[in-house]
């Protein structure tokens, strides 16, 4: 496979903050429709890696290619337009708007100032809202007047739905099940398995039971470097991983 055949190919990616290498010459290759989980102890560089991919942080050196297109030279909005969606740890939804309005506002046409002024609730928007609401298990809550009344787990699903409205080809989620009930975690595992059938997904997660249920492949980071990659079984039985992470 050439590097352009991968959905995402990261090579020798490095970022230094005042001489400290938070991400240190990372190489990572990801296939289309792959669900990759990144694990590692605190300070391993997991969130920084997502920050680099979505352009929030600029790389010191190295390359990030998405479908063969270099991302390190693009601004954040250019990376979103290229098809990369990112969800942060805390849900950022419009709590005083309805669930329907949160999804509707995330439709690509509604995102620019001009788009907001000329936005019309056309059939394609309605169809997309209903389709995404069903995907993220919020059909029954669509007309809840304030999204702030949703449970913590449902807020996380709504934010995933807001990203899905843009139909990204790469979706990145930072600790999506933190603070969720056991049942919500199970439902989120099913949700992520569904949405990775037609897009690539990167998840940062600490909950090993959850990782087992979703990961096609696991990448372990330690001190800004890739310690190892493999299936969950391979990762869990690797003595280096046990030493730096699972043993703690």
C-alpha atoms as a PDB file:
ATOM      1  CA  UNK A   1       0.000   0.000   0.000  1.00  0.00           C
ATOM      2  CA  UNK A   2       1.270   3.498  -0.767  1.00  0.00           C
ATOM      3  CA  UNK A   3       0.685   6.239   1.797  1.00  0.00           C
ATOM      4  CA  UNK A   4      -1.975   7.792  -0.420  1.00  0.00           C
ATOM      5  CA  UNK A   5      -4.059   4.603  -0.163  1.00  0.00           C
ATOM      6  CA  UNK A   6      -4.633   5.202   3.548  1.00  0.00           C
ATOM      7  CA  UNK A   7      -7.454   7.410   4.806  1.00  0.00           C
ATOM      8  CA  UNK A   8      -4.962   9.000   7.224  1.00  0.00           C
ATOM      9  CA  UNK A   9      -1.198   8.777   7.110  1.00  0.00           C
ATOM     10  CA  UNK A  10       0.874  10.494   9.782  1.00  0.00           C
ATOM     11  CA  UNK A  11       4.649  10.494   9.411  1.00  0.00           C
ATOM     12  CA  UNK A  12       7.368  11.694  11.816  1.00  0.00           C
ATOM     13  CA  UNK A  13       4.878  14.060  13.434  1.00  0.00           C
ATOM     14  CA  UNK A  14       6.485  16.156  16.161  1.00  0.00           C
ATOM     15  CA  UNK A  15       5.379  19.095  18.257  1.00  0.00           C
ATOM     16  CA  UNK A  16       7.559  20.779  20.870  1.00  0.00           C
ATOM     17  CA  UNK A  17       6.388  23.164  23.579  1.00  0.00           C
ATOM     18  CA  UNK A  18       9.394  25.065  25.017  1.00  0.00           C
ATOM     19  CA  UNK A  19      11.718  22.203  24.119  1.00  0.00           C
ATOM     20  CA  UNK A  20       9.395  19.481  25.507  1.00  0.00           C
ATOM     21  CA  UNK A  21       8.291  17.044  22.799  1.00  0.00           C
ATOM     22  CA  UNK A  22       4.607  16.378  23.543  1.00  0.00           C
ATOM     23  CA  UNK A  23       4.389  14.355  20.328  1.00  0.00           C
ATOM     24  CA  UNK A  24       7.675  12.829  19.236  1.00  0.00           C
ATOM     25  CA  UNK A  25       8.123  11.540  15.651  1.00  0.00           C
ATOM     26  CA  UNK A  26       4.793   9.648  15.593  1.00  0.00           C
ATOM     27  CA  UNK A  27       3.917   7.519  12.558  1.00  0.00           C
ATOM     28  CA  UNK A  28       0.350   6.214  12.252  1.00  0.00           C
ATOM     29  CA  UNK A  29      -1.570   4.800   9.283  1.00  0.00           C
ATOM     30  CA  UNK A  30      -5.296   4.344   9.210  1.00  0.00           C
ATOM     31  CA  UNK A  31      -7.559   2.576   6.714  1.00  0.00           C
ATOM     32  CA  UNK A  32     -10.949   3.660   5.415  1.00  0.00           C
ATOM     33  CA  UNK A  33     -13.853   2.600   7.670  1.00  0.00           C
ATOM     34  CA  UNK A  34     -11.448   1.717  10.479  1.00  0.00           C
ATOM     35  CA  UNK A  35     -12.214   2.357  14.139  1.00  0.00           C
ATOM     36  CA  UNK A  36      -8.893   3.087  15.854  1.00  0.00           C
ATOM     37  CA  UNK A  37      -8.628   3.548  19.600  1.00  0.00           C
ATOM     38  CA  UNK A  38      -5.674   5.435  21.072  1.00  0.00           C
ATOM     39  CA  UNK A  39      -4.787   4.630  24.669  1.00  0.00           C
ATOM     40  CA  UNK A  40      -1.940   5.560  26.987  1.00  0.00           C
ATOM     41  CA  UNK A  41      -1.259   7.061  30.405  1.00  0.00           C
ATOM     42  CA  UNK A  42      -1.951  10.747  31.133  1.00  0.00           C
ATOM     43  CA  UNK A  43       0.571  12.968  29.375  1.00  0.00           C
ATOM     44  CA  UNK A  44       1.202  10.416  26.617  1.00  0.00           C
ATOM     45  CA  UNK A  45       0.238  12.941  23.897  1.00  0.00           C
ATOM     46  CA  UNK A  46      -3.197  11.533  22.963  1.00  0.00           C
ATOM     47  CA  UNK A  47      -5.225  14.769  22.968  1.00  0.00           C
ATOM     48  CA  UNK A  48      -2.289  16.700  21.473  1.00  0.00           C
ATOM     49  CA  UNK A  49      -2.307  14.257  18.557  1.00  0.00           C
ATOM     50  CA  UNK A  50      -5.994  15.041  17.866  1.00  0.00           C
ATOM     51  CA  UNK A  51      -5.223  18.768  18.235  1.00  0.00           C
ATOM     52  CA  UNK A  52      -2.562  18.390  15.529  1.00  0.00           C
ATOM     53  CA  UNK A  53      -4.839  16.483  13.145  1.00  0.00           C
ATOM     54  CA  UNK A  54      -7.659  19.058  13.422  1.00  0.00           C
ATOM     55  CA  UNK A  55      -5.252  22.031  13.186  1.00  0.00           C
ATOM     56  CA  UNK A  56      -5.847  23.409  16.698  1.00  0.00           C
ATOM     57  CA  UNK A  57      -2.108  22.944  17.315  1.00  0.00           C
ATOM     58  CA  UNK A  58       0.487  23.400  14.566  1.00  0.00           C
ATOM     59  CA  UNK A  59       3.131  20.716  14.076  1.00  0.00           C
ATOM     60  CA  UNK A  60       6.804  21.546  14.591  1.00  0.00           C
ATOM     61  CA  UNK A  61       7.676  19.011  11.895  1.00  0.00           C
ATOM     62  CA  UNK A  62       6.282  15.978  10.077  1.00  0.00           C
ATOM     63  CA  UNK A  63       3.307  15.284   7.855  1.00  0.00           C
ATOM     64  CA  UNK A  64      -0.436  14.539   8.251  1.00  0.00           C
ATOM     65  CA  UNK A  65      -2.069  13.382   5.025  1.00  0.00           C
ATOM     66  CA  UNK A  66      -5.829  12.842   4.837  1.00  0.00           C
ATOM     67  CA  UNK A  67      -6.857  11.049   1.625  1.00  0.00           C
ATOM     68  CA  UNK A  68      -3.485  12.121   0.221  1.00  0.00           C
ATOM     69  CA  UNK A  69      -4.013  15.817   1.106  1.00  0.00           C
ATOM     70  CA  UNK A  70      -1.535  17.510   3.458  1.00  0.00           C
ATOM     71  CA  UNK A  71      -3.345  18.934   6.505  1.00  0.00           C
ATOM     72  CA  UNK A  72      -0.485  20.642   8.358  1.00  0.00           C
ATOM     73  CA  UNK A  73      -0.643  23.633   5.973  1.00  0.00           C
ATOM     74  CA  UNK A  74      -4.438  24.081   6.218  1.00  0.00           C
ATOM     75  CA  UNK A  75      -6.341  26.321   8.701  1.00  0.00           C
ATOM     76  CA  UNK A  76      -8.809  24.620  11.094  1.00  0.00           C
ATOM     77  CA  UNK A  77     -11.887  25.417   8.958  1.00  0.00           C
ATOM     78  CA  UNK A  78     -10.080  24.059   5.883  1.00  0.00           C
ATOM     79  CA  UNK A  79      -9.503  20.761   7.707  1.00  0.00           C
ATOM     80  CA  UNK A  80     -13.224  20.579   8.631  1.00  0.00           C
ATOM     81  CA  UNK A  81     -14.120  21.225   4.983  1.00  0.00           C
ATOM     82  CA  UNK A  82     -11.741  18.472   3.907  1.00  0.00           C
ATOM     83  CA  UNK A  83     -13.924  16.048   5.910  1.00  0.00           C
ATOM     84  CA  UNK A  84     -12.475  15.859   9.436  1.00  0.00           C
ATOM     85  CA  UNK A  85     -14.803  16.224  12.458  1.00  0.00           C
ATOM     86  CA  UNK A  86     -13.675  16.495  16.092  1.00  0.00           C
ATOM     87  CA  UNK A  87     -15.505  16.145  19.389  1.00  0.00           C
ATOM     88  CA  UNK A  88     -13.806  17.397  22.543  1.00  0.00           C
ATOM     89  CA  UNK A  89     -14.080  15.904  26.056  1.00  0.00           C
ATOM     90  CA  UNK A  90     -16.860  18.189  27.304  1.00  0.00           C
ATOM     91  CA  UNK A  91     -20.047  18.301  25.236  1.00  0.00           C
ATOM     92  CA  UNK A  92     -20.507  21.681  23.533  1.00  0.00           C
ATOM     93  CA  UNK A  93     -24.148  21.829  22.486  1.00  0.00           C
ATOM     94  CA  UNK A  94     -26.580  24.766  22.435  1.00  0.00           C
ATOM     95  CA  UNK A  95     -28.339  23.926  25.703  1.00  0.00           C
ATOM     96  CA  UNK A  96     -31.189  26.455  25.298  1.00  0.00           C
ATOM     97  CA  UNK A  97     -32.102  25.278  21.773  1.00  0.00           C
ATOM     98  CA  UNK A  98     -34.103  22.152  20.943  1.00  0.00           C
ATOM     99  CA  UNK A  99     -32.378  18.929  19.913  1.00  0.00           C
ATOM    100  CA  UNK A 100     -33.805  19.455  16.411  1.00  0.00           C
ATOM    101  CA  UNK A 101     -32.345  22.987  16.202  1.00  0.00           C
ATOM    102  CA  UNK A 102     -28.917  21.788  17.406  1.00  0.00           C
ATOM    103  CA  UNK A 103     -28.804  19.264  14.562  1.00  0.00           C
ATOM    104  CA  UNK A 104     -30.302  21.628  12.003  1.00  0.00           C
ATOM    105  CA  UNK A 105     -27.725  24.350  12.768  1.00  0.00           C
ATOM    106  CA  UNK A 106     -24.931  21.839  12.171  1.00  0.00           C
ATOM    107  CA  UNK A 107     -26.030  21.174   8.578  1.00  0.00           C
ATOM    108  CA  UNK A 108     -23.110  22.449   6.430  1.00  0.00           C
ATOM    109  CA  UNK A 109     -25.189  25.186   4.729  1.00  0.00           C
ATOM    110  CA  UNK A 110     -26.135  26.728   8.074  1.00  0.00           C
ATOM    111  CA  UNK A 111     -22.595  27.172   9.353  1.00  0.00           C
ATOM    112  CA  UNK A 112     -21.452  30.400   7.668  1.00  0.00           C
ATOM    113  CA  UNK A 113     -22.873  33.850   8.482  1.00  0.00           C
ATOM    114  CA  UNK A 114     -24.387  34.097   4.998  1.00  0.00           C
ATOM    115  CA  UNK A 115     -25.625  30.512   5.323  1.00  0.00           C
ATOM    116  CA  UNK A 116     -27.410  31.357   8.593  1.00  0.00           C
ATOM    117  CA  UNK A 117     -29.126  34.368   7.014  1.00  0.00           C
ATOM    118  CA  UNK A 118     -30.338  32.474   3.952  1.00  0.00           C
ATOM    119  CA  UNK A 119     -30.884  29.084   5.599  1.00  0.00           C
ATOM    120  CA  UNK A 120     -34.168  27.375   4.757  1.00  0.00           C
ATOM    121  CA  UNK A 121     -35.612  24.225   6.265  1.00  0.00           C
ATOM    122  CA  UNK A 122     -35.647  22.320   2.969  1.00  0.00           C
ATOM    123  CA  UNK A 123     -36.446  18.621   2.606  1.00  0.00           C
ATOM    124  CA  UNK A 124     -32.776  17.628   2.428  1.00  0.00           C
ATOM    125  CA  UNK A 125     -32.180  19.299   5.816  1.00  0.00           C
ATOM    126  CA  UNK A 126     -35.230  17.649   7.410  1.00  0.00           C
ATOM    127  CA  UNK A 127     -34.290  14.245   5.997  1.00  0.00           C
ATOM    128  CA  UNK A 128     -30.730  14.571   7.270  1.00  0.00           C
ATOM    129  CA  UNK A 129     -31.869  15.665  10.775  1.00  0.00           C
ATOM    130  CA  UNK A 130     -34.215  12.681  11.077  1.00  0.00           C
ATOM    131  CA  UNK A 131     -31.627  10.275   9.699  1.00  0.00           C
ATOM    132  CA  UNK A 132     -28.920  11.461  12.125  1.00  0.00           C
ATOM    133  CA  UNK A 133     -31.321  11.603  15.108  1.00  0.00           C
ATOM    134  CA  UNK A 134     -32.118   7.950  14.502  1.00  0.00           C
ATOM    135  CA  UNK A 135     -28.415   7.075  14.247  1.00  0.00           C
ATOM    136  CA  UNK A 136     -27.639   8.725  17.605  1.00  0.00           C
ATOM    137  CA  UNK A 137     -30.741   7.343  19.361  1.00  0.00           C
ATOM    138  CA  UNK A 138     -32.408  10.743  19.833  1.00  0.00           C
ATOM    139  CA  UNK A 139     -35.504  10.415  17.629  1.00  0.00           C
ATOM    140  CA  UNK A 140     -37.795  10.523  20.700  1.00  0.00           C
ATOM    141  CA  UNK A 141     -36.010  13.651  22.002  1.00  0.00           C
ATOM    142  CA  UNK A 142     -35.939  15.612  18.709  1.00  0.00           C
ATOM    143  CA  UNK A 143     -38.542  18.132  19.843  1.00  0.00           C
ATOM    144  CA  UNK A 144     -37.354  18.465  23.430  1.00  0.00           C
ATOM    145  CA  UNK A 145     -37.390  22.255  23.726  1.00  0.00           C
ATOM    146  CA  UNK A 146     -34.075  22.548  25.550  1.00  0.00           C
ATOM    147  CA  UNK A 147     -31.179  20.218  24.795  1.00  0.00           C
ATOM    148  CA  UNK A 148     -29.855  21.112  28.262  1.00  0.00           C
ATOM    149  CA  UNK A 149     -32.516  18.762  29.701  1.00  0.00           C
ATOM    150  CA  UNK A 150     -30.913  15.693  28.084  1.00  0.00           C
ATOM    151  CA  UNK A 151     -28.953  13.231  30.231  1.00  0.00           C
ATOM    152  CA  UNK A 152     -25.148  13.503  30.145  1.00  0.00           C
ATOM    153  CA  UNK A 153     -24.933  10.524  27.759  1.00  0.00           C
ATOM    154  CA  UNK A 154     -27.591  11.927  25.433  1.00  0.00           C
ATOM    155  CA  UNK A 155     -25.701  15.246  25.279  1.00  0.00           C
ATOM    156  CA  UNK A 156     -22.628  13.335  24.127  1.00  0.00           C
ATOM    157  CA  UNK A 157     -24.747  11.568  21.460  1.00  0.00           C
ATOM    158  CA  UNK A 158     -26.204  14.898  20.343  1.00  0.00           C
ATOM    159  CA  UNK A 159     -22.738  16.316  19.852  1.00  0.00           C
ATOM    160  CA  UNK A 160     -21.720  13.244  17.843  1.00  0.00           C
ATOM    161  CA  UNK A 161     -24.931  13.817  15.833  1.00  0.00           C
ATOM    162  CA  UNK A 162     -23.970  17.457  15.229  1.00  0.00           C
ATOM    163  CA  UNK A 163     -20.702  16.233  13.723  1.00  0.00           C
ATOM    164  CA  UNK A 164     -22.468  13.532  11.679  1.00  0.00           C
ATOM    165  CA  UNK A 165     -24.694  16.250  10.140  1.00  0.00           C
ATOM    166  CA  UNK A 166     -21.551  17.382   8.282  1.00  0.00           C
ATOM    167  CA  UNK A 167     -20.924  13.802   7.088  1.00  0.00           C
ATOM    168  CA  UNK A 168     -17.193  13.783   7.924  1.00  0.00           C
ATOM    169  CA  UNK A 169     -15.059  10.970   6.513  1.00  0.00           C
ATOM    170  CA  UNK A 170     -12.875  11.014   9.637  1.00  0.00           C
ATOM    171  CA  UNK A 171     -14.485  11.473  13.055  1.00  0.00           C
ATOM    172  CA  UNK A 172     -12.340  12.015  16.179  1.00  0.00           C
ATOM    173  CA  UNK A 173     -13.779  11.560  19.682  1.00  0.00           C
ATOM    174  CA  UNK A 174     -11.969  12.347  22.939  1.00  0.00           C
ATOM    175  CA  UNK A 175     -13.172  10.123  25.829  1.00  0.00           C
ATOM    176  CA  UNK A 176     -16.774   9.855  24.581  1.00  0.00           C
ATOM    177  CA  UNK A 177     -18.031   7.644  27.447  1.00  0.00           C
ATOM    178  CA  UNK A 178     -16.562   9.563  30.405  1.00  0.00           C
ATOM    179  CA  UNK A 179     -19.303  10.034  33.030  1.00  0.00           C
ATOM    180  CA  UNK A 180     -21.797   7.747  31.271  1.00  0.00           C
ATOM    181  CA  UNK A 181     -23.921   5.039  32.905  1.00  0.00           C
ATOM    182  CA  UNK A 182     -23.190   1.378  32.069  1.00  0.00           C
ATOM    183  CA  UNK A 183     -26.202   1.207  29.748  1.00  0.00           C
ATOM    184  CA  UNK A 184     -25.188   4.430  27.958  1.00  0.00           C
ATOM    185  CA  UNK A 185     -21.676   3.022  27.458  1.00  0.00           C
ATOM    186  CA  UNK A 186     -23.126  -0.102  25.833  1.00  0.00           C
ATOM    187  CA  UNK A 187     -25.340   2.009  23.576  1.00  0.00           C
ATOM    188  CA  UNK A 188     -22.382   4.244  22.662  1.00  0.00           C
ATOM    189  CA  UNK A 189     -20.315   1.173  21.702  1.00  0.00           C
ATOM    190  CA  UNK A 190     -23.134   0.088  19.376  1.00  0.00           C
ATOM    191  CA  UNK A 191     -23.389   3.644  17.984  1.00  0.00           C
ATOM    192  CA  UNK A 192     -19.651   3.843  17.201  1.00  0.00           C
ATOM    193  CA  UNK A 193     -19.656   0.378  15.617  1.00  0.00           C
ATOM    194  CA  UNK A 194     -22.534   1.547  13.385  1.00  0.00           C
ATOM    195  CA  UNK A 195     -21.017   4.847  12.304  1.00  0.00           C
ATOM    196  CA  UNK A 196     -17.601   3.330  11.523  1.00  0.00           C
ATOM    197  CA  UNK A 197     -19.167   1.203   8.769  1.00  0.00           C
ATOM    198  CA  UNK A 198     -18.886   4.102   6.347  1.00  0.00           C
ATOM    199  CA  UNK A 199     -16.272   6.395   7.871  1.00  0.00           C
ATOM    200  CA  UNK A 200     -13.005   6.221   9.788  1.00  0.00           C
ATOM    201  CA  UNK A 201     -13.187   6.933  13.526  1.00  0.00           C
ATOM    202  CA  UNK A 202     -10.449   7.710  16.063  1.00  0.00           C
ATOM    203  CA  UNK A 203     -11.378   7.369  19.739  1.00  0.00           C
ATOM    204  CA  UNK A 204      -9.259   8.275  22.768  1.00  0.00           C
ATOM    205  CA  UNK A 205     -10.429   6.228  25.724  1.00  0.00           C
ATOM    206  CA  UNK A 206      -9.374   4.956  29.168  1.00  0.00           C
ATOM    207  CA  UNK A 207     -12.179   2.461  29.718  1.00  0.00           C
ATOM    208  CA  UNK A 208     -10.652  -0.862  28.637  1.00  0.00           C
ATOM    209  CA  UNK A 209     -13.957  -2.770  28.603  1.00  0.00           C
ATOM    210  CA  UNK A 210     -15.337  -0.155  26.222  1.00  0.00           C
ATOM    211  CA  UNK A 211     -12.193  -0.297  24.045  1.00  0.00           C
ATOM    212  CA  UNK A 212     -12.595  -4.083  23.714  1.00  0.00           C
ATOM    213  CA  UNK A 213     -16.102  -3.609  22.337  1.00  0.00           C
ATOM    214  CA  UNK A 214     -15.214  -1.101  19.626  1.00  0.00           C
ATOM    215  CA  UNK A 215     -11.560  -1.200  18.543  1.00  0.00           C
ATOM    216  CA  UNK A 216     -10.509  -2.629  15.207  1.00  0.00           C
ATOM    217  CA  UNK A 217      -6.953  -1.700  16.161  1.00  0.00           C
ATOM    218  CA  UNK A 218      -5.376  -0.082  19.236  1.00  0.00           C
ATOM    219  CA  UNK A 219      -2.438   2.336  19.256  1.00  0.00           C
ATOM    220  CA  UNK A 220      -0.629   2.785  22.576  1.00  0.00           C
ATOM    221  CA  UNK A 221       1.131   6.112  23.141  1.00  0.00           C
ATOM    222  CA  UNK A 222       3.747   6.666  25.838  1.00  0.00           C
ATOM    223  CA  UNK A 223       5.754   9.875  26.350  1.00  0.00           C
ATOM    224  CA  UNK A 224       4.715  11.201  22.939  1.00  0.00           C
ATOM    225  CA  UNK A 225       5.789   8.095  21.017  1.00  0.00           C
ATOM    226  CA  UNK A 226       3.951   5.049  19.644  1.00  0.00           C
ATOM    227  CA  UNK A 227       4.772   2.238  22.091  1.00  0.00           C
ATOM    228  CA  UNK A 228       2.928  -0.438  20.078  1.00  0.00           C
ATOM    229  CA  UNK A 229      -0.062  -1.154  17.856  1.00  0.00           C
ATOM    230  CA  UNK A 230      -2.253  -4.196  17.464  1.00  0.00           C
ATOM    231  CA  UNK A 231      -5.515  -5.829  18.471  1.00  0.00           C
ATOM    232  CA  UNK A 232      -6.824  -5.326  21.993  1.00  0.00           C
ATOM    233  CA  UNK A 233      -5.650  -8.848  22.929  1.00  0.00           C
ATOM    234  CA  UNK A 234      -2.125  -8.181  21.638  1.00  0.00           C
ATOM    235  CA  UNK A 235      -1.977  -4.845  23.447  1.00  0.00           C
ATOM    236  CA  UNK A 236      -3.209  -6.248  26.755  1.00  0.00           C
ATOM    237  CA  UNK A 237      -0.694  -9.084  26.732  1.00  0.00           C
ATOM    238  CA  UNK A 238       2.315  -6.939  25.748  1.00  0.00           C
ATOM    239  CA  UNK A 239       4.638  -6.623  28.788  1.00  0.00           C
ATOM    240  CA  UNK A 240       5.665  -3.032  27.865  1.00  0.00           C
ATOM    241  CA  UNK A 241       2.037  -1.906  27.852  1.00  0.00           C
ATOM    242  CA  UNK A 242       1.308  -3.696  31.117  1.00  0.00           C
ATOM    243  CA  UNK A 243       4.323  -1.948  32.666  1.00  0.00           C
ATOM    244  CA  UNK A 244       3.569   1.616  31.551  1.00  0.00           C
ATOM    245  CA  UNK A 245      -0.194   1.583  31.577  1.00  0.00           C
ATOM    246  CA  UNK A 246      -2.344  -1.396  32.446  1.00  0.00           C
ATOM    247  CA  UNK A 247      -0.334  -2.229  35.539  1.00  0.00           C
ATOM    248  CA  UNK A 248      -0.998   1.146  37.159  1.00  0.00           C
END
